[in-house]
Amino acid sequence: MGWATRHIEKLQAGAVVQFRPRGHSMTGRVNDGDLVTVQPLGDDELKVGEVVLCRVRGAEYLHLVKAERAGRYLIGNNRGGVNGWVSRRSVYGVMREAVRK
């Protein structure tokens, strides 16, 4: 159970969630403590550059889709870091808004 488990459960049930992520890996796109709104992924097509709530190797992230290849998505932060490749089933929601604190 990680920091986003309850948000992921709500997204899987079809709810839109709001929360204030902590950390600096997404500074410039999502700053520490911003209020973010994330909607369920549903049938929407994932696009490179979108900020998503996902799991990579068991860790939960609100990070960027950096690349797409053969139905898999490379997840990473806004500072050049890379977390790894995931399938669509590991992406739970897409950020639609970040309101500066």
Protein backbone atom coordinates (compact mmCIF):
# COMPACT_ATOMS: atom_id res chain seq x y z
CA MET A 1 0.00 0.00 0.00
CA GLY A 2 1.55 3.26 -1.15
CA TRP A 3 0.78 6.95 -0.92
CA ALA A 4 -1.71 6.83 -3.83
CA THR A 5 -3.47 3.51 -3.17
CA ARG A 6 -6.75 5.07 -2.03
CA HIS A 7 -6.74 7.47 -5.00
CA ILE A 8 -6.13 4.56 -7.39
CA GLU A 9 -9.04 2.64 -5.85
CA LYS A 10 -11.35 5.61 -6.38
CA LEU A 11 -10.16 6.06 -9.98
CA GLN A 12 -10.79 2.36 -10.66
CA ALA A 13 -14.36 2.89 -9.36
CA GLY A 14 -14.82 5.74 -11.86
CA ALA A 15 -14.39 8.73 -9.53
CA VAL A 16 -12.36 11.87 -10.19
CA VAL A 17 -9.83 12.50 -7.39
CA GLN A 18 -8.02 15.54 -6.04
CA PHE A 19 -4.91 15.53 -3.89
CA ARG A 20 -1.75 17.47 -3.12
CA PRO A 21 1.34 15.49 -4.15
CA ARG A 22 4.60 16.06 -2.30
CA GLY A 23 8.07 16.24 -3.79
CA HIS A 24 10.05 18.07 -6.43
CA SER A 25 10.51 15.56 -9.26
CA MET A 26 7.73 17.18 -11.30
CA THR A 27 8.56 20.84 -10.56
CA GLY A 28 7.45 23.01 -13.43
CA ARG A 29 4.49 20.77 -14.29
CA VAL A 30 3.28 19.91 -10.78
CA ASN A 31 4.86 21.71 -7.87
CA ASP A 32 5.11 20.43 -4.31
CA GLY A 33 1.69 20.81 -2.67
CA ASP A 34 -0.27 21.85 -5.78
CA LEU A 35 -3.89 20.69 -5.85
CA VAL A 36 -4.16 18.25 -8.74
CA THR A 37 -7.30 16.82 -10.34
CA VAL A 38 -6.95 13.35 -11.86
CA GLN A 39 -9.67 11.64 -13.86
CA PRO A 40 -9.96 7.92 -14.61
CA LEU A 41 -8.15 6.83 -17.75
CA GLY A 42 -11.17 5.04 -19.17
CA ASP A 43 -10.90 4.47 -22.94
CA ASP A 44 -8.93 7.66 -23.57
CA GLU A 45 -5.78 7.35 -25.62
CA LEU A 46 -2.60 8.05 -23.65
CA LYS A 47 -0.38 10.71 -25.15
CA VAL A 48 3.29 11.44 -24.67
CA GLY A 49 3.62 14.45 -22.37
CA GLU A 50 0.55 13.72 -20.25
CA VAL A 51 0.89 13.49 -16.47
CA VAL A 52 -0.52 10.20 -15.18
CA LEU A 53 -1.08 8.42 -11.89
CA CYS A 54 0.49 5.00 -12.31
CA ARG A 55 2.44 2.13 -10.76
CA VAL A 56 5.92 1.21 -11.97
CA ARG A 57 7.48 -1.89 -10.40
CA GLY A 58 5.19 -1.53 -7.37
CA ALA A 59 5.88 2.17 -6.72
CA GLU A 60 3.18 4.80 -7.28
CA TYR A 61 3.93 7.95 -9.25
CA LEU A 62 2.29 11.07 -10.60
CA HIS A 63 4.72 11.34 -13.50
CA LEU A 64 4.97 11.92 -17.25
CA VAL A 65 4.40 9.61 -20.17
CA LYS A 66 7.78 10.11 -21.90
CA ALA A 67 7.39 7.67 -24.81
CA GLU A 68 5.08 5.04 -26.25
CA ARG A 69 6.14 1.86 -28.02
CA ALA A 70 4.01 -1.11 -28.99
CA GLY A 71 1.32 -0.39 -26.39
CA ARG A 72 3.78 0.24 -23.55
CA TYR A 73 4.53 3.59 -21.95
CA LEU A 74 7.78 4.97 -20.58
CA ILE A 75 7.17 6.79 -17.30
CA GLY A 76 9.50 9.42 -15.88
CA ASN A 77 9.72 12.69 -14.01
CA ASN A 78 10.08 16.29 -15.20
CA ARG A 79 13.80 16.40 -14.36
CA GLY A 80 15.02 13.82 -16.86
CA GLY A 81 14.60 10.75 -14.65
CA VAL A 82 13.02 7.54 -15.92
CA ASN A 83 11.02 5.04 -13.85
CA GLY A 84 10.42 2.34 -16.47
CA TRP A 85 8.02 0.90 -19.02
CA VAL A 86 4.43 -0.04 -18.10
CA SER A 87 1.37 -1.38 -19.83
CA ARG A 88 -1.88 0.55 -19.98
CA ARG A 89 -3.27 -1.46 -17.07
CA SER A 90 -0.67 0.16 -14.77
CA VAL A 91 -1.94 3.66 -15.60
CA TYR A 92 -4.99 4.61 -13.51
CA GLY A 93 -5.67 8.24 -14.24
CA VAL A 94 -4.69 11.33 -16.19
CA MET A 95 -4.09 14.70 -14.56
CA ARG A 96 -6.43 17.35 -15.94
CA GLU A 97 -5.53 20.28 -13.70
CA ALA A 98 -2.87 21.46 -11.27
CA VAL A 99 -3.71 24.51 -9.17
CA ARG A 100 -0.74 26.25 -7.60
CA LYS A 101 -0.87 26.33 -3.84
